[in-house]
Amino acid sequence: MTEFVSVVIPAYNAAATIGACVRAVCAQAYEGAFELLVVDDGSTDGTAAVARAAGATVITTPRGRPAAARNAGLRAARGAIVCFTDADCTPRPGWLRELAAPFADPAVVACKGSYATRQTALVARFVQLEYEDKYDLLRRQQTIDFIDTYSAAYRRAVLLGHGGFDERFDYLEDQELSFRLAARGCHMLFREAAVVEHFHSATLRAYLRKKAIIGYWKAQVVRRYPDRAVRDSHTPQVMKVQMGLAALIVVALAASGVGLALGWGWQALGPFAALLLLFAATTIPFVRKAWAKDWGVALAAPALLFGRALALGAGYGWGLLRPRQWSVSGEQ
């Protein structure tokens, strides 16, 4: 596929990373012509200047979150195919070619690529293996319902025809769009070879905070598309089981504390211990995969998976208790 394509990168206070991102896009091994648009989403640092110096055309907009920035780039794009990545990503040389290739089939509406990282921090390595676990799931499917915009491409006309990204979503606007397109019968693919290198969360605090935010916004997406609560092409089913078990473990721990205070003896810890063992059993498949790649992550994985389940569950619960009023009726 060598037709003219557009690359859109939303950026907010990304002066530290946008230069490398733009230079990597400019150096793509793509046989056709392309344009590169950086949408500066109301940055207060030197993001726009760094992006221009690196070779991008810069569009400046008021602060509007990623959905609004992506829509601004989408409207300005001249290519029939629009590719997206993030300002903290560095696409590998074949990224654009791999993303554009599936559109030789006129039935394809969108495709998504994959993450890699060079980070050495334990949490970042765990995050990378989380994504690779999800890629194992995506790889088995001929069509998917989940496009992440860190490495994604869409037919511009189809995206505009379906309303673009919903700007009321501060986060997970790409998930909402994916489910909307899937509900309308659009054909989307996983293109694993379209790789971008990324800076994952490197500390436990940053990781858990991000998961809690994702949980909150996931509740808003699922309120609009309740069938996706049961299954989507990207989320391993065991994650939902782990979220439920983590909540039960917290309740059982509290109940055990009450039981001990009332003098019930160590048997008061029975339900808590049983649930903890059950949770540990659910982590075995991930640990086995991780062991073959990174034994350090494998050893830490049960605790990190428990933290993930708690953070996602807490965010999701808060999203159910404090929903956005438009989250059900506001479909575009």
C-alpha atoms as a PDB file:
ATOM      1  CA  MET A   1       0.000   0.000   0.000  1.00  0.00           C
ATOM      2  CA  THR A   2       1.793   3.180  -1.155  1.00  0.00           C
ATOM      3  CA  GLU A   3      -0.944   5.808  -1.361  1.00  0.00           C
ATOM      4  CA  PHE A   4      -0.602   9.136   0.391  1.00  0.00           C
ATOM      5  CA  VAL A   5      -1.313   8.786   4.118  1.00  0.00           C
ATOM      6  CA  SER A   6      -1.483  11.151   7.081  1.00  0.00           C
ATOM      7  CA  VAL A   7       0.144  10.618  10.484  1.00  0.00           C
ATOM      8  CA  VAL A   8      -1.451  12.447  13.432  1.00  0.00           C
ATOM      9  CA  ILE A   9       0.221  12.783  16.839  1.00  0.00           C
ATOM     10  CA  PRO A  10      -1.636  14.542  19.673  1.00  0.00           C
ATOM     11  CA  ALA A  11       0.781  16.113  22.145  1.00  0.00           C
ATOM     12  CA  TYR A  12       0.439  17.880  25.483  1.00  0.00           C
ATOM     13  CA  ASN A  13       3.521  19.151  27.319  1.00  0.00           C
ATOM     14  CA  ALA A  14       5.552  16.553  25.450  1.00  0.00           C
ATOM     15  CA  ALA A  15       8.721  18.541  24.716  1.00  0.00           C
ATOM     16  CA  ALA A  16      10.865  15.783  26.252  1.00  0.00           C
ATOM     17  CA  THR A  17       9.624  13.052  23.883  1.00  0.00           C
ATOM     18  CA  ILE A  18       7.999  14.607  20.803  1.00  0.00           C
ATOM     19  CA  GLY A  19      11.291  15.239  19.004  1.00  0.00           C
ATOM     20  CA  ALA A  20      12.273  11.574  18.987  1.00  0.00           C
ATOM     21  CA  CYS A  21       8.745  10.598  17.964  1.00  0.00           C
ATOM     22  CA  VAL A  22       8.670  13.008  15.005  1.00  0.00           C
ATOM     23  CA  ARG A  23      12.147  12.058  13.836  1.00  0.00           C
ATOM     24  CA  ALA A  24      11.191   8.367  13.913  1.00  0.00           C
ATOM     25  CA  VAL A  25       8.096   9.035  11.796  1.00  0.00           C
ATOM     26  CA  CYS A  26      10.069  11.157   9.320  1.00  0.00           C
ATOM     27  CA  ALA A  27      12.552   8.286   8.905  1.00  0.00           C
ATOM     28  CA  GLN A  28       9.906   5.678   8.063  1.00  0.00           C
ATOM     29  CA  ALA A  29      10.670   3.100   5.385  1.00  0.00           C
ATOM     30  CA  TYR A  30       7.461   3.832   3.481  1.00  0.00           C
ATOM     31  CA  GLU A  31       7.411   3.695  -0.296  1.00  0.00           C
ATOM     32  CA  GLY A  32       4.648   6.287  -0.694  1.00  0.00           C
ATOM     33  CA  ALA A  33       4.294   9.896   0.395  1.00  0.00           C
ATOM     34  CA  PHE A  34       2.920  10.957   3.758  1.00  0.00           C
ATOM     35  CA  GLU A  35       2.322  14.025   5.882  1.00  0.00           C
ATOM     36  CA  LEU A  36       3.004  14.372   9.599  1.00  0.00           C
ATOM     37  CA  LEU A  37       0.696  16.496  11.752  1.00  0.00           C
ATOM     38  CA  VAL A  38       1.408  17.160  15.424  1.00  0.00           C
ATOM     39  CA  VAL A  39      -1.591  18.597  17.254  1.00  0.00           C
ATOM     40  CA  ASP A  40      -0.305  20.684  20.153  1.00  0.00           C
ATOM     41  CA  ASP A  41      -3.143  20.351  22.671  1.00  0.00           C
ATOM     42  CA  GLY A  42      -2.660  23.606  24.565  1.00  0.00           C
ATOM     43  CA  SER A  43       0.857  22.795  25.790  1.00  0.00           C
ATOM     44  CA  THR A  44       2.618  25.209  28.125  1.00  0.00           C
ATOM     45  CA  ASP A  45       6.129  23.986  27.330  1.00  0.00           C
ATOM     46  CA  GLY A  46       8.077  23.946  24.079  1.00  0.00           C
ATOM     47  CA  THR A  47       6.228  21.036  22.462  1.00  0.00           C
ATOM     48  CA  ALA A  48       5.237  22.935  19.315  1.00  0.00           C
ATOM     49  CA  ALA A  49       8.717  24.352  18.707  1.00  0.00           C
ATOM     50  CA  VAL A  50      10.412  20.981  19.222  1.00  0.00           C
ATOM     51  CA  ALA A  51       7.949  19.264  16.858  1.00  0.00           C
ATOM     52  CA  ARG A  52       8.463  21.882  14.123  1.00  0.00           C
ATOM     53  CA  ALA A  53      12.235  21.684  14.456  1.00  0.00           C
ATOM     54  CA  ALA A  54      12.068  17.905  14.075  1.00  0.00           C
ATOM     55  CA  GLY A  55      10.077  18.159  10.835  1.00  0.00           C
ATOM     56  CA  ALA A  56       6.362  18.098  11.689  1.00  0.00           C
ATOM     57  CA  THR A  57       3.552  20.393  10.643  1.00  0.00           C
ATOM     58  CA  VAL A  58       2.075  21.680  13.902  1.00  0.00           C
ATOM     59  CA  ILE A  59      -1.579  22.479  14.581  1.00  0.00           C
ATOM     60  CA  THR A  60      -2.163  24.406  17.788  1.00  0.00           C
ATOM     61  CA  THR A  61      -5.456  23.975  19.650  1.00  0.00           C
ATOM     62  CA  PRO A  62      -6.804  24.980  23.082  1.00  0.00           C
ATOM     63  CA  ARG A  63      -6.487  22.284  25.754  1.00  0.00           C
ATOM     64  CA  GLY A  64      -9.136  19.719  24.888  1.00  0.00           C
ATOM     65  CA  ARG A  65      -7.756  16.272  25.843  1.00  0.00           C
ATOM     66  CA  PRO A  66      -6.596  13.594  23.348  1.00  0.00           C
ATOM     67  CA  ALA A  67      -9.971  12.995  21.662  1.00  0.00           C
ATOM     68  CA  ALA A  68     -10.294  16.641  20.633  1.00  0.00           C
ATOM     69  CA  ALA A  69      -6.671  16.762  19.468  1.00  0.00           C
ATOM     70  CA  ARG A  70      -7.094  13.633  17.366  1.00  0.00           C
ATOM     71  CA  ASN A  71     -10.275  15.030  15.815  1.00  0.00           C
ATOM     72  CA  ALA A  72      -8.458  18.247  14.940  1.00  0.00           C
ATOM     73  CA  GLY A  73      -5.757  16.231  13.208  1.00  0.00           C
ATOM     74  CA  LEU A  74      -8.337  14.064  11.490  1.00  0.00           C
ATOM     75  CA  ARG A  75     -10.119  17.092  10.050  1.00  0.00           C
ATOM     76  CA  ALA A  76      -6.863  18.630   8.821  1.00  0.00           C
ATOM     77  CA  ALA A  77      -5.479  15.392   7.338  1.00  0.00           C
ATOM     78  CA  ARG A  78      -5.277  15.057   3.551  1.00  0.00           C
ATOM     79  CA  GLY A  79      -4.653  11.310   3.381  1.00  0.00           C
ATOM     80  CA  ALA A  80      -7.374   8.737   2.787  1.00  0.00           C
ATOM     81  CA  ILE A  81      -5.707   6.688   5.528  1.00  0.00           C
ATOM     82  CA  VAL A  82      -4.954   8.392   8.851  1.00  0.00           C
ATOM     83  CA  CYS A  83      -2.426   6.818  11.215  1.00  0.00           C
ATOM     84  CA  PHE A  84      -2.127   7.713  14.893  1.00  0.00           C
ATOM     85  CA  THR A  85       0.530   7.322  17.515  1.00  0.00           C
ATOM     86  CA  ASP A  86       1.313   9.084  20.809  1.00  0.00           C
ATOM     87  CA  ALA A  87       3.936  11.681  21.645  1.00  0.00           C
ATOM     88  CA  ASP A  88       5.746   9.314  24.034  1.00  0.00           C
ATOM     89  CA  CYS A  89       6.125   6.621  21.375  1.00  0.00           C
ATOM     90  CA  THR A  90       8.953   6.021  18.896  1.00  0.00           C
ATOM     91  CA  PRO A  91       7.738   4.103  15.832  1.00  0.00           C
ATOM     92  CA  ARG A  92      10.125   1.539  14.408  1.00  0.00           C
ATOM     93  CA  PRO A  93      11.216   2.025  10.765  1.00  0.00           C
ATOM     94  CA  GLY A  94       8.606  -0.289   9.224  1.00  0.00           C
ATOM     95  CA  TRP A  95       5.701   0.992  11.342  1.00  0.00           C
ATOM     96  CA  LEU A  96       3.948   3.111   8.712  1.00  0.00           C
ATOM     97  CA  ARG A  97       4.325   0.514   5.981  1.00  0.00           C
ATOM     98  CA  GLU A  98       2.864  -2.191   8.225  1.00  0.00           C
ATOM     99  CA  LEU A  99      -0.079  -0.027   9.322  1.00  0.00           C
ATOM    100  CA  ALA A 100      -0.958   1.017   5.784  1.00  0.00           C
ATOM    101  CA  ALA A 101      -0.649  -2.438   4.177  1.00  0.00           C
ATOM    102  CA  PRO A 102      -3.990  -3.943   5.344  1.00  0.00           C
ATOM    103  CA  PHE A 103      -5.935  -1.188   3.564  1.00  0.00           C
ATOM    104  CA  ALA A 104      -5.173  -2.789   0.212  1.00  0.00           C
ATOM    105  CA  ASP A 105      -8.274  -4.784   1.167  1.00  0.00           C
ATOM    106  CA  PRO A 106     -11.207  -2.361   0.709  1.00  0.00           C
ATOM    107  CA  ALA A 107     -13.144  -4.139   3.456  1.00  0.00           C
ATOM    108  CA  VAL A 108     -10.649  -3.089   6.141  1.00  0.00           C
ATOM    109  CA  VAL A 109     -11.702   0.005   8.085  1.00  0.00           C
ATOM    110  CA  ALA A 110      -9.029   0.116  10.808  1.00  0.00           C
ATOM    111  CA  CYS A 111      -6.045  -1.730  12.208  1.00  0.00           C
ATOM    112  CA  LYS A 112      -3.861  -1.564  15.302  1.00  0.00           C
ATOM    113  CA  GLY A 113      -0.226  -2.304  15.974  1.00  0.00           C
ATOM    114  CA  SER A 114       1.758  -3.202  19.072  1.00  0.00           C
ATOM    115  CA  TYR A 115       4.006  -1.868  21.837  1.00  0.00           C
ATOM    116  CA  ALA A 116       7.633  -2.601  22.641  1.00  0.00           C
ATOM    117  CA  THR A 117       9.882  -1.029  25.258  1.00  0.00           C
ATOM    118  CA  ARG A 118      13.553  -0.789  26.166  1.00  0.00           C
ATOM    119  CA  GLN A 119      12.892   0.088  29.797  1.00  0.00           C
ATOM    120  CA  THR A 120      14.566  -1.913  32.535  1.00  0.00           C
ATOM    121  CA  ALA A 121      12.346  -0.986  35.521  1.00  0.00           C
ATOM    122  CA  LEU A 122      10.446  -4.001  36.891  1.00  0.00           C
ATOM    123  CA  VAL A 123       7.004  -2.401  36.625  1.00  0.00           C
ATOM    124  CA  ALA A 124       7.627  -1.284  33.037  1.00  0.00           C
ATOM    125  CA  ARG A 125       8.756  -4.794  32.097  1.00  0.00           C
ATOM    126  CA  PHE A 126       5.605  -6.181  33.702  1.00  0.00           C
ATOM    127  CA  VAL A 127       3.459  -3.741  31.696  1.00  0.00           C
ATOM    128  CA  GLN A 128       5.135  -4.882  28.482  1.00  0.00           C
ATOM    129  CA  LEU A 129       4.361  -8.521  29.276  1.00  0.00           C
ATOM    130  CA  GLU A 130       0.764  -7.517  30.070  1.00  0.00           C
ATOM    131  CA  TYR A 131       0.448  -6.178  26.541  1.00  0.00           C
ATOM    132  CA  GLU A 132       2.113  -9.242  25.059  1.00  0.00           C
ATOM    133  CA  ASP A 133      -0.414 -11.402  26.919  1.00  0.00           C
ATOM    134  CA  LYS A 134      -3.198  -9.425  25.240  1.00  0.00           C
ATOM    135  CA  TYR A 135      -1.474  -9.703  21.875  1.00  0.00           C
ATOM    136  CA  ASP A 136      -1.593 -13.486  22.262  1.00  0.00           C
ATOM    137  CA  LEU A 137      -5.367 -13.114  22.441  1.00  0.00           C
ATOM    138  CA  LEU A 138      -5.615 -10.710  19.493  1.00  0.00           C
ATOM    139  CA  ARG A 139      -3.378 -12.852  17.321  1.00  0.00           C
ATOM    140  CA  ARG A 140      -5.975 -15.634  17.271  1.00  0.00           C
ATOM    141  CA  GLN A 141      -8.740 -13.407  15.885  1.00  0.00           C
ATOM    142  CA  GLN A 142      -9.355 -12.538  12.250  1.00  0.00           C
ATOM    143  CA  THR A 143     -11.313  -9.424  13.166  1.00  0.00           C
ATOM    144  CA  ILE A 144     -11.117  -7.368  16.350  1.00  0.00           C
ATOM    145  CA  ASP A 145     -13.243  -4.816  18.189  1.00  0.00           C
ATOM    146  CA  PHE A 146     -10.495  -2.959  20.025  1.00  0.00           C
ATOM    147  CA  ILE A 147      -8.136  -0.381  18.499  1.00  0.00           C
ATOM    148  CA  ASP A 148      -5.588   1.466  20.673  1.00  0.00           C
ATOM    149  CA  THR A 149      -4.456   4.755  19.158  1.00  0.00           C
ATOM    150  CA  TYR A 150      -0.827   4.391  20.260  1.00  0.00           C
ATOM    151  CA  SER A 151      -0.438   2.511  16.965  1.00  0.00           C
ATOM    152  CA  ALA A 152      -3.532   2.701  14.800  1.00  0.00           C
ATOM    153  CA  ALA A 153      -4.796   3.505  11.329  1.00  0.00           C
ATOM    154  CA  TYR A 154      -8.291   4.269  10.009  1.00  0.00           C
ATOM    155  CA  ARG A 155      -9.977   5.115   6.748  1.00  0.00           C
ATOM    156  CA  ARG A 156     -10.489   8.853   7.171  1.00  0.00           C
ATOM    157  CA  ALA A 157     -13.862   8.961   5.406  1.00  0.00           C
ATOM    158  CA  VAL A 158     -15.274   6.173   7.574  1.00  0.00           C
ATOM    159  CA  LEU A 159     -14.012   7.784  10.761  1.00  0.00           C
ATOM    160  CA  LEU A 160     -15.524  11.153   9.839  1.00  0.00           C
ATOM    161  CA  GLY A 161     -18.726   9.445   8.750  1.00  0.00           C
ATOM    162  CA  HIS A 162     -19.062   7.846  12.204  1.00  0.00           C
ATOM    163  CA  GLY A 163     -18.430  11.042  14.141  1.00  0.00           C
ATOM    164  CA  GLY A 164     -14.747  10.667  14.993  1.00  0.00           C
ATOM    165  CA  PHE A 165     -13.639  10.405  18.621  1.00  0.00           C
ATOM    166  CA  ASP A 166     -16.185  11.285  21.311  1.00  0.00           C
ATOM    167  CA  GLU A 167     -14.652  14.335  22.970  1.00  0.00           C
ATOM    168  CA  ARG A 168     -16.602  13.808  26.194  1.00  0.00           C
ATOM    169  CA  PHE A 169     -14.262  10.925  27.028  1.00  0.00           C
ATOM    170  CA  ASP A 170     -11.127  12.175  28.778  1.00  0.00           C
ATOM    171  CA  TYR A 171      -9.692   8.658  28.541  1.00  0.00           C
ATOM    172  CA  LEU A 172     -10.486   5.468  26.579  1.00  0.00           C
ATOM    173  CA  GLU A 173     -11.952   7.480  23.723  1.00  0.00           C
ATOM    174  CA  ASP A 174     -10.263   4.963  21.424  1.00  0.00           C
ATOM    175  CA  GLN A 175     -12.072   2.060  23.127  1.00  0.00           C
ATOM    176  CA  GLU A 176     -15.412   3.826  22.804  1.00  0.00           C
ATOM    177  CA  LEU A 177     -14.753   4.470  19.122  1.00  0.00           C
ATOM    178  CA  SER A 178     -13.667   0.858  18.603  1.00  0.00           C
ATOM    179  CA  PHE A 179     -16.849  -0.535  20.109  1.00  0.00           C
ATOM    180  CA  ARG A 180     -18.948   1.951  18.121  1.00  0.00           C
ATOM    181  CA  LEU A 181     -17.314   0.907  14.846  1.00  0.00           C
ATOM    182  CA  ALA A 182     -17.593  -2.790  15.727  1.00  0.00           C
ATOM    183  CA  ALA A 183     -21.285  -2.377  16.558  1.00  0.00           C
ATOM    184  CA  ARG A 184     -21.785  -0.938  13.087  1.00  0.00           C
ATOM    185  CA  GLY A 185     -20.084  -3.870  11.388  1.00  0.00           C
ATOM    186  CA  CYS A 186     -16.708  -2.319  10.575  1.00  0.00           C
ATOM    187  CA  HIS A 187     -13.866  -4.735   9.853  1.00  0.00           C
ATOM    188  CA  MET A 188     -10.758  -4.122  12.011  1.00  0.00           C
ATOM    189  CA  LEU A 189      -7.481  -6.046  12.209  1.00  0.00           C
ATOM    190  CA  PHE A 190      -4.473  -6.596  14.469  1.00  0.00           C
ATOM    191  CA  ARG A 191      -1.192  -5.776  12.701  1.00  0.00           C
ATOM    192  CA  GLU A 192       1.409  -6.855  15.235  1.00  0.00           C
ATOM    193  CA  ALA A 193       4.387  -5.853  13.115  1.00  0.00           C
ATOM    194  CA  ALA A 194       3.394  -2.152  13.310  1.00  0.00           C
ATOM    195  CA  VAL A 195       5.552  -1.584  16.403  1.00  0.00           C
ATOM    196  CA  VAL A 196       6.081   1.556  18.442  1.00  0.00           C
ATOM    197  CA  GLU A 197       8.480   1.736  21.361  1.00  0.00           C
ATOM    198  CA  HIS A 198       6.885   3.290  24.443  1.00  0.00           C
ATOM    199  CA  PHE A 199       7.670   4.566  27.925  1.00  0.00           C
ATOM    200  CA  HIS A 200       5.389   2.476  30.164  1.00  0.00           C
ATOM    201  CA  SER A 201       4.591   3.373  33.764  1.00  0.00           C
ATOM    202  CA  ALA A 202       7.829   2.655  35.603  1.00  0.00           C
ATOM    203  CA  THR A 203       6.707   2.957  39.246  1.00  0.00           C
ATOM    204  CA  LEU A 204       4.030   1.059  41.133  1.00  0.00           C
ATOM    205  CA  ARG A 205       2.272   4.279  42.112  1.00  0.00           C
ATOM    206  CA  ALA A 206       2.049   5.525  38.519  1.00  0.00           C
ATOM    207  CA  TYR A 207       0.902   2.120  37.308  1.00  0.00           C
ATOM    208  CA  LEU A 208      -1.874   1.722  39.885  1.00  0.00           C
ATOM    209  CA  ARG A 209      -3.069   5.286  39.371  1.00  0.00           C
ATOM    210  CA  LYS A 210      -3.304   4.706  35.632  1.00  0.00           C
ATOM    211  CA  LYS A 211      -5.234   1.466  36.158  1.00  0.00           C
ATOM    212  CA  ALA A 212      -7.715   3.181  38.487  1.00  0.00           C
ATOM    213  CA  ILE A 213      -8.342   5.883  35.875  1.00  0.00           C
ATOM    214  CA  ILE A 214      -8.791   3.231  33.193  1.00  0.00           C
ATOM    215  CA  GLY A 215     -11.259   1.399  35.443  1.00  0.00           C
ATOM    216  CA  TYR A 216     -13.338   4.557  35.915  1.00  0.00           C
ATOM    217  CA  TRP A 217     -13.562   5.311  32.198  1.00  0.00           C
ATOM    218  CA  LYS A 218     -14.081   1.655  31.327  1.00  0.00           C
ATOM    219  CA  ALA A 219     -17.290   1.830  33.371  1.00  0.00           C
ATOM    220  CA  GLN A 220     -18.452   4.721  31.173  1.00  0.00           C
ATOM    221  CA  VAL A 221     -17.654   2.800  27.988  1.00  0.00           C
ATOM    222  CA  VAL A 222     -19.415  -0.340  29.230  1.00  0.00           C
ATOM    223  CA  ARG A 223     -22.527   1.621  30.250  1.00  0.00           C
ATOM    224  CA  ARG A 224     -22.820   2.567  26.590  1.00  0.00           C
ATOM    225  CA  TYR A 225     -21.900  -0.883  25.236  1.00  0.00           C
ATOM    226  CA  PRO A 226     -22.938  -3.378  27.946  1.00  0.00           C
ATOM    227  CA  ASP A 227     -22.306  -6.400  25.733  1.00  0.00           C
ATOM    228  CA  ARG A 228     -18.578  -5.586  25.845  1.00  0.00           C
ATOM    229  CA  ALA A 229     -18.597  -6.159  29.602  1.00  0.00           C
ATOM    230  CA  VAL A 230     -18.944  -9.853  28.798  1.00  0.00           C
ATOM    231  CA  ARG A 231     -16.196 -10.064  26.195  1.00  0.00           C
ATOM    232  CA  ASP A 232     -14.043  -7.974  23.902  1.00  0.00           C
ATOM    233  CA  SER A 233     -11.168  -9.005  21.675  1.00  0.00           C
ATOM    234  CA  HIS A 234      -8.470  -7.364  23.804  1.00  0.00           C
ATOM    235  CA  THR A 235      -9.260  -8.202  27.444  1.00  0.00           C
ATOM    236  CA  PRO A 236      -8.398 -11.647  28.858  1.00  0.00           C
ATOM    237  CA  GLN A 237     -11.404 -13.075  30.691  1.00  0.00           C
ATOM    238  CA  VAL A 238      -9.246 -13.923  33.698  1.00  0.00           C
ATOM    239  CA  MET A 239      -8.822 -10.195  34.410  1.00  0.00           C
ATOM    240  CA  LYS A 240     -12.513  -9.938  35.255  1.00  0.00           C
ATOM    241  CA  VAL A 241     -12.300 -12.984  37.505  1.00  0.00           C
ATOM    242  CA  GLN A 242      -9.300 -11.457  39.259  1.00  0.00           C
ATOM    243  CA  MET A 243     -11.110  -8.158  39.816  1.00  0.00           C
ATOM    244  CA  GLY A 244     -13.976 -10.006  41.504  1.00  0.00           C
ATOM    245  CA  LEU A 245     -11.635 -12.127  43.609  1.00  0.00           C
ATOM    246  CA  ALA A 246      -9.608  -9.098  44.692  1.00  0.00           C
ATOM    247  CA  ALA A 247     -12.765  -7.405  45.972  1.00  0.00           C
ATOM    248  CA  LEU A 248     -13.773 -10.560  47.847  1.00  0.00           C
ATOM    249  CA  ILE A 249     -10.281 -10.851  49.351  1.00  0.00           C
ATOM    250  CA  VAL A 250     -10.507  -7.339  50.766  1.00  0.00           C
ATOM    251  CA  VAL A 251     -13.920  -8.121  52.285  1.00  0.00           C
ATOM    252  CA  ALA A 252     -12.683 -11.448  53.652  1.00  0.00           C
ATOM    253  CA  LEU A 253      -9.621  -9.802  55.193  1.00  0.00           C
ATOM    254  CA  ALA A 254     -11.814  -7.274  56.981  1.00  0.00           C
ATOM    255  CA  ALA A 255     -14.137 -10.052  58.177  1.00  0.00           C
ATOM    256  CA  SER A 256     -11.156 -12.077  59.387  1.00  0.00           C
ATOM    257  CA  GLY A 257      -9.937  -9.107  61.397  1.00  0.00           C
ATOM    258  CA  VAL A 258     -13.324  -8.833  63.056  1.00  0.00           C
ATOM    259  CA  GLY A 259     -13.331 -12.575  63.729  1.00  0.00           C
ATOM    260  CA  LEU A 260      -9.907 -12.451  65.357  1.00  0.00           C
ATOM    261  CA  ALA A 261     -10.972  -9.526  67.506  1.00  0.00           C
ATOM    262  CA  LEU A 262     -14.005 -11.534  68.645  1.00  0.00           C
ATOM    263  CA  GLY A 263     -11.776 -14.432  69.639  1.00  0.00           C
ATOM    264  CA  TRP A 264     -12.692 -16.880  66.888  1.00  0.00           C
ATOM    265  CA  GLY A 265      -9.073 -18.002  66.559  1.00  0.00           C
ATOM    266  CA  TRP A 266      -7.046 -18.555  63.422  1.00  0.00           C
ATOM    267  CA  GLN A 267      -9.929 -20.301  61.677  1.00  0.00           C
ATOM    268  CA  ALA A 268     -11.296 -16.798  61.125  1.00  0.00           C
ATOM    269  CA  LEU A 269      -8.604 -16.468  58.439  1.00  0.00           C
ATOM    270  CA  GLY A 270      -9.914 -19.490  56.506  1.00  0.00           C
ATOM    271  CA  PRO A 271     -12.039 -17.688  53.882  1.00  0.00           C
ATOM    272  CA  PHE A 272      -9.345 -15.061  53.339  1.00  0.00           C
ATOM    273  CA  ALA A 273      -6.635 -17.693  52.862  1.00  0.00           C
ATOM    274  CA  ALA A 274      -8.813 -19.742  50.510  1.00  0.00           C
ATOM    275  CA  LEU A 275      -9.596 -16.727  48.321  1.00  0.00           C
ATOM    276  CA  LEU A 276      -5.945 -15.696  48.281  1.00  0.00           C
ATOM    277  CA  LEU A 277      -4.932 -19.159  47.079  1.00  0.00           C
ATOM    278  CA  LEU A 278      -7.654 -19.085  44.444  1.00  0.00           C
ATOM    279  CA  PHE A 279      -6.400 -15.724  43.204  1.00  0.00           C
ATOM    280  CA  ALA A 280      -2.845 -17.080  43.078  1.00  0.00           C
ATOM    281  CA  ALA A 281      -4.086 -19.995  40.972  1.00  0.00           C
ATOM    282  CA  THR A 282      -5.540 -17.573  38.403  1.00  0.00           C
ATOM    283  CA  THR A 283      -2.101 -15.996  37.931  1.00  0.00           C
ATOM    284  CA  ILE A 284      -0.371 -19.250  36.956  1.00  0.00           C
ATOM    285  CA  PRO A 285      -0.867 -18.928  33.152  1.00  0.00           C
ATOM    286  CA  PHE A 286       0.586 -15.398  33.156  1.00  0.00           C
ATOM    287  CA  VAL A 287       3.460 -16.416  35.429  1.00  0.00           C
ATOM    288  CA  ARG A 288       4.326 -19.324  33.132  1.00  0.00           C
ATOM    289  CA  LYS A 289       4.429 -17.030  30.098  1.00  0.00           C
ATOM    290  CA  ALA A 290       6.467 -14.446  31.984  1.00  0.00           C
ATOM    291  CA  TRP A 291       8.957 -17.044  33.256  1.00  0.00           C
ATOM    292  CA  ALA A 292       9.969 -17.876  29.689  1.00  0.00           C
ATOM    293  CA  LYS A 293      10.723 -14.207  28.994  1.00  0.00           C
ATOM    294  CA  ASP A 294      11.618 -12.488  32.269  1.00  0.00           C
ATOM    295  CA  TRP A 295      11.886 -14.483  35.500  1.00  0.00           C
ATOM    296  CA  GLY A 296      12.055 -11.298  37.591  1.00  0.00           C
ATOM    297  CA  VAL A 297       8.634 -10.230  36.339  1.00  0.00           C
ATOM    298  CA  ALA A 298       7.356 -13.771  36.801  1.00  0.00           C
ATOM    299  CA  LEU A 299       8.268 -13.721  40.506  1.00  0.00           C
ATOM    300  CA  ALA A 300       6.605 -10.337  41.042  1.00  0.00           C
ATOM    301  CA  ALA A 301       3.603 -11.019  38.815  1.00  0.00           C
ATOM    302  CA  PRO A 302       1.121 -12.414  41.396  1.00  0.00           C
ATOM    303  CA  ALA A 303       1.473  -9.317  43.600  1.00  0.00           C
ATOM    304  CA  LEU A 304       1.369  -6.953  40.620  1.00  0.00           C
ATOM    305  CA  LEU A 305      -1.673  -8.706  39.172  1.00  0.00           C
ATOM    306  CA  PHE A 306      -3.413  -8.369  42.531  1.00  0.00           C
ATOM    307  CA  GLY A 307      -2.619  -4.654  42.593  1.00  0.00           C
ATOM    308  CA  ARG A 308      -3.913  -4.340  39.036  1.00  0.00           C
ATOM    309  CA  ALA A 309      -7.172  -6.082  39.935  1.00  0.00           C
ATOM    310  CA  LEU A 310      -7.689  -3.868  42.988  1.00  0.00           C
ATOM    311  CA  ALA A 311      -6.969  -0.625  41.102  1.00  0.00           C
ATOM    312  CA  LEU A 312      -9.125  -1.524  38.114  1.00  0.00           C
ATOM    313  CA  GLY A 313     -11.930  -2.708  40.380  1.00  0.00           C
ATOM    314  CA  ALA A 314     -11.812   0.423  42.535  1.00  0.00           C
ATOM    315  CA  GLY A 315     -11.867   2.672  39.477  1.00  0.00           C
ATOM    316  CA  TYR A 316     -14.644   0.665  37.855  1.00  0.00           C
ATOM    317  CA  GLY A 317     -16.725   0.733  41.035  1.00  0.00           C
ATOM    318  CA  TRP A 318     -16.311   4.488  41.317  1.00  0.00           C
ATOM    319  CA  GLY A 319     -17.329   4.806  37.686  1.00  0.00           C
ATOM    320  CA  LEU A 320     -20.537   2.916  38.401  1.00  0.00           C
ATOM    321  CA  LEU A 321     -21.281   4.987  41.502  1.00  0.00           C
ATOM    322  CA  ARG A 322     -20.433   8.331  39.874  1.00  0.00           C
ATOM    323  CA  PRO A 323     -21.226   7.888  36.175  1.00  0.00           C
ATOM    324  CA  ARG A 324     -21.048  10.589  33.565  1.00  0.00           C
ATOM    325  CA  GLN A 325     -24.640  11.475  32.775  1.00  0.00           C
ATOM    326  CA  TRP A 326     -24.063  11.226  29.036  1.00  0.00           C
ATOM    327  CA  SER A 327     -22.348   7.848  29.159  1.00  0.00           C
ATOM    328  CA  VAL A 328     -25.435   5.860  28.099  1.00  0.00           C
ATOM    329  CA  SER A 329     -27.542   8.209  25.997  1.00  0.00           C
ATOM    330  CA  GLY A 330     -24.784  10.181  24.341  1.00  0.00           C
ATOM    331  CA  GLU A 331     -23.693   7.747  21.621  1.00  0.00           C
ATOM    332  CA  GLN A 332     -22.650   9.532  18.465  1.00  0.00           C
END
